[in-house]
Amino acid sequence: MSHFVNILMTMAIYYRFVAVIAITIISISIIDGQTNKKLSSSSSSLNKKKGSCDSERVDKCAIAMVPLTDPELLENPPRNMSQMNYWCRKFKQSIECVRQYSQQCLQSESRRVFSIMSYSISKMAKRYCGSVRAKKDLLEFLKCAGNDLRKYAQPLFDLSGDLHSIPTIKPANLRIPLSCCAYQRRKESTLSLIDIKCSNHIETIENILQSATGDVIKLGCTEYTDDSDKCDTIIGRLPKWNKPLEWKSFIIPSVKIVDSLH
């Protein structure tokens, strides 16, 4: 009987998740088509070098889609507006690189989830790369972070490990809630570290992290937010990932969790 209940719970969570995706993607599809046209020409050269399903190449693109996981930014952060403009150009190319991977290599449900995430990240690119004031805000944060930048980034790399472990969890109805809780836990860790010496920049970084997951977290995790205590009861079920990471980015593993549900 309990096995049957678990199946019903998994189906309920999964189809509610898919319903959220379906509603959101209707509003995205019109704008997204225009975005594709603008970005496709700038990244056409990426496909000529390697196939779109090359996992190593795509992972490099994906980790560059979030400032705090971009190895080049962590190693040599922008110090002025000219360097910031260079990073913005690379950022937009990374978005298109991963978008192509999604369209050609992911299963349909994962592709829909990623459509939501890529749309939100594209909006973040416009927000932080289309405004001089927003660029200055990010530059000021990078200056404040100084040598602690990698420390701030570590919880987000740990999040990738969390998400690698989730497709193996049983019962399957825990996978989406645990994804939500893992994200909330690592986000709070990052923000707590930043708050120690760069508290004026908390809102900027929180907005960036929210944009990296988009409405997938906002709409799909309504019962497992940072204001809820529900995560306290299940986070212990999340095993530690001790194997090499297939993906350093947390973006691709997060959408692949959907594939594990069917």
C-alpha atoms as a PDB file:
ATOM      1  CA  MET A   1       0.000   0.000   0.000  1.00  0.00           C
ATOM      2  CA  SER A   2       2.812   2.432   0.929  1.00  0.00           C
ATOM      3  CA  HIS A   3       4.495   1.734  -2.441  1.00  0.00           C
ATOM      4  CA  PHE A   4       1.263   2.675  -4.214  1.00  0.00           C
ATOM      5  CA  VAL A   5       1.009   5.888  -2.168  1.00  0.00           C
ATOM      6  CA  ASN A   6       4.581   6.784  -3.088  1.00  0.00           C
ATOM      7  CA  ILE A   7       3.777   6.321  -6.776  1.00  0.00           C
ATOM      8  CA  LEU A   8       0.751   8.610  -6.476  1.00  0.00           C
ATOM      9  CA  MET A   9       2.779  11.255  -4.622  1.00  0.00           C
ATOM     10  CA  THR A  10       5.525  11.136  -7.245  1.00  0.00           C
ATOM     11  CA  MET A  11       2.999  11.539 -10.035  1.00  0.00           C
ATOM     12  CA  ALA A  12       1.313  14.454  -8.244  1.00  0.00           C
ATOM     13  CA  ILE A  13       4.591  16.325  -7.698  1.00  0.00           C
ATOM     14  CA  TYR A  14       5.807  15.616 -11.222  1.00  0.00           C
ATOM     15  CA  TYR A  15       2.638  16.718 -13.001  1.00  0.00           C
ATOM     16  CA  ARG A  16       2.295  19.830 -10.857  1.00  0.00           C
ATOM     17  CA  PHE A  17       5.890  20.641 -11.785  1.00  0.00           C
ATOM     18  CA  VAL A  18       5.147  20.057 -15.472  1.00  0.00           C
ATOM     19  CA  ALA A  19       2.006  22.203 -15.221  1.00  0.00           C
ATOM     20  CA  VAL A  20       4.057  25.091 -13.848  1.00  0.00           C
ATOM     21  CA  ILE A  21       6.501  24.642 -16.707  1.00  0.00           C
ATOM     22  CA  ALA A  22       3.753  24.536 -19.315  1.00  0.00           C
ATOM     23  CA  ILE A  23       2.109  27.732 -18.067  1.00  0.00           C
ATOM     24  CA  THR A  24       5.410  29.589 -17.899  1.00  0.00           C
ATOM     25  CA  ILE A  25       6.721  28.406 -21.243  1.00  0.00           C
ATOM     26  CA  ILE A  26       3.704  29.764 -23.134  1.00  0.00           C
ATOM     27  CA  SER A  27       4.698  33.290 -22.106  1.00  0.00           C
ATOM     28  CA  ILE A  28       8.352  32.602 -22.881  1.00  0.00           C
ATOM     29  CA  SER A  29       7.992  31.126 -26.366  1.00  0.00           C
ATOM     30  CA  ILE A  30       7.107  34.352 -28.183  1.00  0.00           C
ATOM     31  CA  ILE A  31       9.966  36.392 -26.686  1.00  0.00           C
ATOM     32  CA  ASP A  32      12.394  33.482 -26.787  1.00  0.00           C
ATOM     33  CA  GLY A  33      12.139  33.200 -30.546  1.00  0.00           C
ATOM     34  CA  GLN A  34      13.312  36.780 -30.905  1.00  0.00           C
ATOM     35  CA  THR A  35      16.197  36.182 -28.492  1.00  0.00           C
ATOM     36  CA  ASN A  36      17.357  33.152 -30.484  1.00  0.00           C
ATOM     37  CA  LYS A  37      17.647  35.211 -33.662  1.00  0.00           C
ATOM     38  CA  LYS A  38      19.765  37.854 -31.948  1.00  0.00           C
ATOM     39  CA  LEU A  39      22.158  35.402 -30.325  1.00  0.00           C
ATOM     40  CA  SER A  40      22.507  32.725 -32.993  1.00  0.00           C
ATOM     41  CA  SER A  41      24.794  34.706 -35.259  1.00  0.00           C
ATOM     42  CA  SER A  42      27.213  35.577 -32.430  1.00  0.00           C
ATOM     43  CA  SER A  43      27.708  31.937 -31.450  1.00  0.00           C
ATOM     44  CA  SER A  44      27.637  30.117 -34.781  1.00  0.00           C
ATOM     45  CA  SER A  45      31.407  29.668 -34.601  1.00  0.00           C
ATOM     46  CA  LEU A  46      31.047  27.637 -31.406  1.00  0.00           C
ATOM     47  CA  ASN A  47      29.295  24.826 -33.247  1.00  0.00           C
ATOM     48  CA  LYS A  48      31.933  24.644 -35.952  1.00  0.00           C
ATOM     49  CA  LYS A  49      34.646  23.571 -33.518  1.00  0.00           C
ATOM     50  CA  LYS A  50      32.789  20.801 -31.677  1.00  0.00           C
ATOM     51  CA  GLY A  51      29.385  19.164 -31.684  1.00  0.00           C
ATOM     52  CA  SER A  52      26.619  20.679 -29.619  1.00  0.00           C
ATOM     53  CA  CYS A  53      26.449  17.563 -27.419  1.00  0.00           C
ATOM     54  CA  ASP A  54      30.088  17.711 -26.337  1.00  0.00           C
ATOM     55  CA  SER A  55      29.621  17.603 -22.547  1.00  0.00           C
ATOM     56  CA  GLU A  56      32.999  19.152 -21.669  1.00  0.00           C
ATOM     57  CA  ARG A  57      32.405  22.142 -23.925  1.00  0.00           C
ATOM     58  CA  VAL A  58      28.846  22.638 -22.732  1.00  0.00           C
ATOM     59  CA  ASP A  59      29.883  22.449 -19.083  1.00  0.00           C
ATOM     60  CA  LYS A  60      32.378  25.269 -19.685  1.00  0.00           C
ATOM     61  CA  CYS A  61      29.561  27.306 -21.196  1.00  0.00           C
ATOM     62  CA  ALA A  62      27.178  26.500 -18.340  1.00  0.00           C
ATOM     63  CA  ILE A  63      29.525  27.467 -15.503  1.00  0.00           C
ATOM     64  CA  ALA A  64      30.162  30.775 -17.282  1.00  0.00           C
ATOM     65  CA  MET A  65      26.437  31.569 -17.139  1.00  0.00           C
ATOM     66  CA  VAL A  66      26.636  32.421 -13.419  1.00  0.00           C
ATOM     67  CA  PRO A  67      29.242  34.999 -12.324  1.00  0.00           C
ATOM     68  CA  LEU A  68      30.186  33.119  -9.156  1.00  0.00           C
ATOM     69  CA  THR A  69      30.905  29.872 -11.030  1.00  0.00           C
ATOM     70  CA  ASP A  70      32.726  31.332 -14.039  1.00  0.00           C
ATOM     71  CA  PRO A  71      36.375  30.167 -13.682  1.00  0.00           C
ATOM     72  CA  GLU A  72      37.694  33.044 -15.790  1.00  0.00           C
ATOM     73  CA  LEU A  73      35.872  35.613 -13.672  1.00  0.00           C
ATOM     74  CA  LEU A  74      37.000  33.936 -10.434  1.00  0.00           C
ATOM     75  CA  GLU A  75      40.619  33.894 -11.611  1.00  0.00           C
ATOM     76  CA  ASN A  76      40.683  37.346 -13.135  1.00  0.00           C
ATOM     77  CA  PRO A  77      37.549  39.336 -12.198  1.00  0.00           C
ATOM     78  CA  PRO A  78      36.660  42.443 -14.205  1.00  0.00           C
ATOM     79  CA  ARG A  79      38.146  45.596 -12.689  1.00  0.00           C
ATOM     80  CA  ASN A  80      36.807  48.226 -15.059  1.00  0.00           C
ATOM     81  CA  MET A  81      34.009  48.841 -17.536  1.00  0.00           C
ATOM     82  CA  SER A  82      36.003  47.633 -20.537  1.00  0.00           C
ATOM     83  CA  GLN A  83      36.695  44.276 -18.876  1.00  0.00           C
ATOM     84  CA  MET A  84      33.066  44.082 -17.774  1.00  0.00           C
ATOM     85  CA  ASN A  85      31.903  44.569 -21.363  1.00  0.00           C
ATOM     86  CA  TYR A  86      34.163  41.700 -22.460  1.00  0.00           C
ATOM     87  CA  TRP A  87      32.646  39.439 -19.794  1.00  0.00           C
ATOM     88  CA  CYS A  88      29.132  40.402 -20.909  1.00  0.00           C
ATOM     89  CA  ARG A  89      29.888  39.401 -24.504  1.00  0.00           C
ATOM     90  CA  LYS A  90      31.212  36.035 -23.345  1.00  0.00           C
ATOM     91  CA  PHE A  91      28.222  35.645 -21.026  1.00  0.00           C
ATOM     92  CA  LYS A  92      25.755  35.998 -23.908  1.00  0.00           C
ATOM     93  CA  GLN A  93      27.680  33.494 -26.025  1.00  0.00           C
ATOM     94  CA  SER A  94      27.602  31.009 -23.138  1.00  0.00           C
ATOM     95  CA  ILE A  95      23.826  31.317 -22.907  1.00  0.00           C
ATOM     96  CA  GLU A  96      23.442  30.481 -26.582  1.00  0.00           C
ATOM     97  CA  CYS A  97      25.944  27.616 -26.339  1.00  0.00           C
ATOM     98  CA  VAL A  98      23.905  25.911 -23.616  1.00  0.00           C
ATOM     99  CA  ARG A  99      20.627  26.748 -25.348  1.00  0.00           C
ATOM    100  CA  GLN A 100      21.826  24.796 -28.389  1.00  0.00           C
ATOM    101  CA  TYR A 101      22.780  21.864 -26.159  1.00  0.00           C
ATOM    102  CA  SER A 102      19.313  21.927 -24.628  1.00  0.00           C
ATOM    103  CA  GLN A 103      17.566  21.911 -27.992  1.00  0.00           C
ATOM    104  CA  GLN A 104      19.673  19.151 -29.515  1.00  0.00           C
ATOM    105  CA  CYS A 105      20.680  16.901 -26.629  1.00  0.00           C
ATOM    106  CA  LEU A 106      18.165  17.010 -23.752  1.00  0.00           C
ATOM    107  CA  GLN A 107      14.958  15.045 -23.457  1.00  0.00           C
ATOM    108  CA  SER A 108      11.735  16.975 -23.953  1.00  0.00           C
ATOM    109  CA  GLU A 109      10.810  17.645 -20.316  1.00  0.00           C
ATOM    110  CA  SER A 110      14.358  18.691 -19.407  1.00  0.00           C
ATOM    111  CA  ARG A 111      14.388  20.911 -22.473  1.00  0.00           C
ATOM    112  CA  ARG A 112      11.248  22.664 -21.285  1.00  0.00           C
ATOM    113  CA  VAL A 113      12.716  23.211 -17.818  1.00  0.00           C
ATOM    114  CA  PHE A 114      15.870  24.623 -19.309  1.00  0.00           C
ATOM    115  CA  SER A 115      13.855  26.934 -21.561  1.00  0.00           C
ATOM    116  CA  ILE A 116      12.542  28.593 -18.418  1.00  0.00           C
ATOM    117  CA  MET A 117      16.007  28.827 -16.876  1.00  0.00           C
ATOM    118  CA  SER A 118      17.679  30.154 -20.032  1.00  0.00           C
ATOM    119  CA  TYR A 119      14.961  32.771 -20.463  1.00  0.00           C
ATOM    120  CA  SER A 120      15.510  33.985 -16.918  1.00  0.00           C
ATOM    121  CA  ILE A 121      19.298  34.006 -17.372  1.00  0.00           C
ATOM    122  CA  SER A 122      18.865  35.957 -20.621  1.00  0.00           C
ATOM    123  CA  LYS A 123      16.885  38.551 -18.671  1.00  0.00           C
ATOM    124  CA  MET A 124      19.706  38.684 -16.132  1.00  0.00           C
ATOM    125  CA  ALA A 125      22.171  39.311 -18.963  1.00  0.00           C
ATOM    126  CA  LYS A 126      20.082  42.234 -20.165  1.00  0.00           C
ATOM    127  CA  ARG A 127      19.753  43.587 -16.642  1.00  0.00           C
ATOM    128  CA  TYR A 128      23.426  43.445 -15.670  1.00  0.00           C
ATOM    129  CA  CYS A 129      24.972  43.958 -19.091  1.00  0.00           C
ATOM    130  CA  GLY A 130      22.522  46.482 -20.495  1.00  0.00           C
ATOM    131  CA  SER A 131      22.834  49.072 -17.768  1.00  0.00           C
ATOM    132  CA  VAL A 132      25.900  51.067 -16.757  1.00  0.00           C
ATOM    133  CA  ARG A 133      24.592  51.295 -13.194  1.00  0.00           C
ATOM    134  CA  ALA A 134      24.107  47.520 -12.949  1.00  0.00           C
ATOM    135  CA  LYS A 135      27.589  46.890 -14.327  1.00  0.00           C
ATOM    136  CA  LYS A 136      29.027  49.243 -11.729  1.00  0.00           C
ATOM    137  CA  ASP A 137      27.111  47.411  -8.980  1.00  0.00           C
ATOM    138  CA  LEU A 138      28.668  44.113 -10.028  1.00  0.00           C
ATOM    139  CA  LEU A 139      32.132  45.675 -10.325  1.00  0.00           C
ATOM    140  CA  GLU A 140      31.775  47.107  -6.821  1.00  0.00           C
ATOM    141  CA  PHE A 141      30.840  43.683  -5.464  1.00  0.00           C
ATOM    142  CA  LEU A 142      33.849  42.059  -7.159  1.00  0.00           C
ATOM    143  CA  LYS A 143      36.122  44.730  -5.663  1.00  0.00           C
ATOM    144  CA  CYS A 144      34.603  44.175  -2.214  1.00  0.00           C
ATOM    145  CA  ALA A 145      34.937  40.383  -2.477  1.00  0.00           C
ATOM    146  CA  GLY A 146      38.611  40.525  -3.358  1.00  0.00           C
ATOM    147  CA  ASN A 147      40.412  37.296  -2.505  1.00  0.00           C
ATOM    148  CA  ASP A 148      37.258  35.821  -0.940  1.00  0.00           C
ATOM    149  CA  LEU A 149      35.526  35.424  -4.301  1.00  0.00           C
ATOM    150  CA  ARG A 150      36.333  31.702  -4.594  1.00  0.00           C
ATOM    151  CA  LYS A 151      35.105  31.146  -1.045  1.00  0.00           C
ATOM    152  CA  TYR A 152      31.757  32.663  -2.011  1.00  0.00           C
ATOM    153  CA  ALA A 153      31.611  30.420  -5.072  1.00  0.00           C
ATOM    154  CA  GLN A 154      32.269  27.106  -3.314  1.00  0.00           C
ATOM    155  CA  PRO A 155      28.673  26.463  -2.108  1.00  0.00           C
ATOM    156  CA  LEU A 156      27.496  26.715  -5.726  1.00  0.00           C
ATOM    157  CA  PHE A 157      29.981  24.052  -6.829  1.00  0.00           C
ATOM    158  CA  ASP A 158      28.812  21.970  -3.854  1.00  0.00           C
ATOM    159  CA  LEU A 159      25.260  22.409  -5.176  1.00  0.00           C
ATOM    160  CA  SER A 160      26.276  20.629  -8.366  1.00  0.00           C
ATOM    161  CA  GLY A 161      27.344  17.641  -6.267  1.00  0.00           C
ATOM    162  CA  ASP A 162      24.005  17.687  -4.436  1.00  0.00           C
ATOM    163  CA  LEU A 163      22.122  17.666  -7.724  1.00  0.00           C
ATOM    164  CA  HIS A 164      24.255  14.822  -9.110  1.00  0.00           C
ATOM    165  CA  SER A 165      23.123  12.636  -6.216  1.00  0.00           C
ATOM    166  CA  ILE A 166      19.402  13.370  -6.394  1.00  0.00           C
ATOM    167  CA  PRO A 167      18.411  11.170  -9.409  1.00  0.00           C
ATOM    168  CA  THR A 168      19.445   8.101  -7.375  1.00  0.00           C
ATOM    169  CA  ILE A 169      17.201   8.945  -4.412  1.00  0.00           C
ATOM    170  CA  LYS A 170      14.196   6.767  -3.622  1.00  0.00           C
ATOM    171  CA  PRO A 171      11.302   7.277  -3.327  1.00  0.00           C
ATOM    172  CA  ALA A 172      11.302   9.438  -6.454  1.00  0.00           C
ATOM    173  CA  ASN A 173       8.763  11.860  -4.989  1.00  0.00           C
ATOM    174  CA  LEU A 174      11.578  13.310  -2.851  1.00  0.00           C
ATOM    175  CA  ARG A 175      13.714  14.362  -5.825  1.00  0.00           C
ATOM    176  CA  ILE A 176      12.103  17.698  -6.669  1.00  0.00           C
ATOM    177  CA  PRO A 177      11.662  18.745  -2.996  1.00  0.00           C
ATOM    178  CA  LEU A 178      15.306  17.832  -2.295  1.00  0.00           C
ATOM    179  CA  SER A 179      16.413  19.827  -5.342  1.00  0.00           C
ATOM    180  CA  CYS A 180      14.592  22.822  -3.884  1.00  0.00           C
ATOM    181  CA  CYS A 181      16.123  22.308  -0.445  1.00  0.00           C
ATOM    182  CA  ALA A 182      19.632  21.793  -1.807  1.00  0.00           C
ATOM    183  CA  TYR A 183      19.380  25.061  -3.728  1.00  0.00           C
ATOM    184  CA  GLN A 184      18.049  26.953  -0.687  1.00  0.00           C
ATOM    185  CA  ARG A 185      20.795  25.545   1.567  1.00  0.00           C
ATOM    186  CA  ARG A 186      23.660  26.421  -0.785  1.00  0.00           C
ATOM    187  CA  LYS A 187      22.218  29.828  -1.626  1.00  0.00           C
ATOM    188  CA  GLU A 188      21.989  30.709   2.057  1.00  0.00           C
ATOM    189  CA  SER A 189      25.570  29.518   2.597  1.00  0.00           C
ATOM    190  CA  THR A 190      26.801  31.806  -0.179  1.00  0.00           C
ATOM    191  CA  LEU A 191      24.821  34.802   1.069  1.00  0.00           C
ATOM    192  CA  SER A 192      25.950  34.250   4.665  1.00  0.00           C
ATOM    193  CA  LEU A 193      29.595  34.304   3.574  1.00  0.00           C
ATOM    194  CA  ILE A 194      29.070  37.463   1.519  1.00  0.00           C
ATOM    195  CA  ASP A 195      27.235  39.150   4.396  1.00  0.00           C
ATOM    196  CA  ILE A 196      30.377  39.109   6.548  1.00  0.00           C
ATOM    197  CA  LYS A 197      32.156  41.868   4.631  1.00  0.00           C
ATOM    198  CA  CYS A 198      30.006  42.723   1.584  1.00  0.00           C
ATOM    199  CA  SER A 199      26.540  43.032   3.098  1.00  0.00           C
ATOM    200  CA  ASN A 200      25.684  45.978   0.845  1.00  0.00           C
ATOM    201  CA  HIS A 201      25.790  43.612  -2.125  1.00  0.00           C
ATOM    202  CA  ILE A 202      23.548  40.827  -0.809  1.00  0.00           C
ATOM    203  CA  GLU A 203      20.575  41.909  -2.917  1.00  0.00           C
ATOM    204  CA  THR A 204      22.647  41.976  -6.120  1.00  0.00           C
ATOM    205  CA  ILE A 205      23.967  38.442  -5.639  1.00  0.00           C
ATOM    206  CA  GLU A 206      20.623  37.057  -4.479  1.00  0.00           C
ATOM    207  CA  ASN A 207      19.010  38.436  -7.647  1.00  0.00           C
ATOM    208  CA  ILE A 208      21.721  36.811  -9.780  1.00  0.00           C
ATOM    209  CA  LEU A 209      21.269  33.428  -8.076  1.00  0.00           C
ATOM    210  CA  GLN A 210      17.507  33.676  -8.444  1.00  0.00           C
ATOM    211  CA  SER A 211      17.932  34.447 -12.136  1.00  0.00           C
ATOM    212  CA  ALA A 212      20.154  31.388 -12.590  1.00  0.00           C
ATOM    213  CA  THR A 213      17.271  29.090 -11.668  1.00  0.00           C
ATOM    214  CA  GLY A 214      14.434  31.344 -12.764  1.00  0.00           C
ATOM    215  CA  ASP A 215      10.807  30.433 -12.226  1.00  0.00           C
ATOM    216  CA  VAL A 216      11.745  26.750 -11.827  1.00  0.00           C
ATOM    217  CA  ILE A 217      12.590  27.468  -8.178  1.00  0.00           C
ATOM    218  CA  LYS A 218      10.156  30.318  -7.666  1.00  0.00           C
ATOM    219  CA  LEU A 219       7.130  28.390  -8.945  1.00  0.00           C
ATOM    220  CA  GLY A 220       8.193  24.773  -8.535  1.00  0.00           C
ATOM    221  CA  CYS A 221       9.348  25.013  -4.916  1.00  0.00           C
ATOM    222  CA  THR A 222       6.526  26.956  -3.288  1.00  0.00           C
ATOM    223  CA  GLU A 223       6.369  24.562  -0.314  1.00  0.00           C
ATOM    224  CA  TYR A 224      10.145  24.371   0.141  1.00  0.00           C
ATOM    225  CA  THR A 225      11.294  27.974   0.389  1.00  0.00           C
ATOM    226  CA  ASP A 226      13.857  29.503   2.728  1.00  0.00           C
ATOM    227  CA  ASP A 227      10.931  30.616   4.926  1.00  0.00           C
ATOM    228  CA  SER A 228       9.627  27.060   5.334  1.00  0.00           C
ATOM    229  CA  ASP A 229      10.784  24.425   7.824  1.00  0.00           C
ATOM    230  CA  LYS A 230       9.848  21.546   5.508  1.00  0.00           C
ATOM    231  CA  CYS A 231      13.424  21.205   4.284  1.00  0.00           C
ATOM    232  CA  ASP A 232      14.544  20.451   7.832  1.00  0.00           C
ATOM    233  CA  THR A 233      12.623  17.176   7.746  1.00  0.00           C
ATOM    234  CA  ILE A 234      14.091  15.840   4.481  1.00  0.00           C
ATOM    235  CA  ILE A 235      17.523  17.418   3.911  1.00  0.00           C
ATOM    236  CA  GLY A 236      19.130  14.560   5.831  1.00  0.00           C
ATOM    237  CA  ARG A 237      18.022  12.229   3.022  1.00  0.00           C
ATOM    238  CA  LEU A 238      20.411  13.965   0.623  1.00  0.00           C
ATOM    239  CA  PRO A 239      23.531  11.812   0.260  1.00  0.00           C
ATOM    240  CA  LYS A 240      26.986  13.325  -0.116  1.00  0.00           C
ATOM    241  CA  TRP A 241      28.324  13.003  -3.666  1.00  0.00           C
ATOM    242  CA  ASN A 242      31.842  11.543  -3.517  1.00  0.00           C
ATOM    243  CA  LYS A 243      32.383  10.696  -7.172  1.00  0.00           C
ATOM    244  CA  PRO A 244      33.909  12.969  -9.830  1.00  0.00           C
ATOM    245  CA  LEU A 245      31.383  15.497 -11.116  1.00  0.00           C
ATOM    246  CA  GLU A 246      30.064  14.972 -14.607  1.00  0.00           C
ATOM    247  CA  TRP A 247      29.060  18.648 -14.594  1.00  0.00           C
ATOM    248  CA  LYS A 248      30.802  21.398 -12.619  1.00  0.00           C
ATOM    249  CA  SER A 249      27.835  23.662 -13.300  1.00  0.00           C
ATOM    250  CA  PHE A 250      24.658  23.153 -11.298  1.00  0.00           C
ATOM    251  CA  ILE A 251      22.450  24.179 -14.228  1.00  0.00           C
ATOM    252  CA  ILE A 252      22.535  21.036 -16.386  1.00  0.00           C
ATOM    253  CA  PRO A 253      22.197  18.579 -13.435  1.00  0.00           C
ATOM    254  CA  SER A 254      19.181  20.511 -12.189  1.00  0.00           C
ATOM    255  CA  VAL A 255      17.236  20.004 -15.415  1.00  0.00           C
ATOM    256  CA  LYS A 256      18.369  16.398 -15.792  1.00  0.00           C
ATOM    257  CA  ILE A 257      16.655  15.537 -12.512  1.00  0.00           C
ATOM    258  CA  VAL A 258      13.377  15.847 -14.401  1.00  0.00           C
ATOM    259  CA  ASP A 259      14.498  13.031 -16.723  1.00  0.00           C
ATOM    260  CA  SER A 260      14.921  10.743 -13.712  1.00  0.00           C
ATOM    261  CA  LEU A 261      11.196  10.999 -12.942  1.00  0.00           C
ATOM    262  CA  HIS A 262      10.031   9.176 -16.076  1.00  0.00           C
END
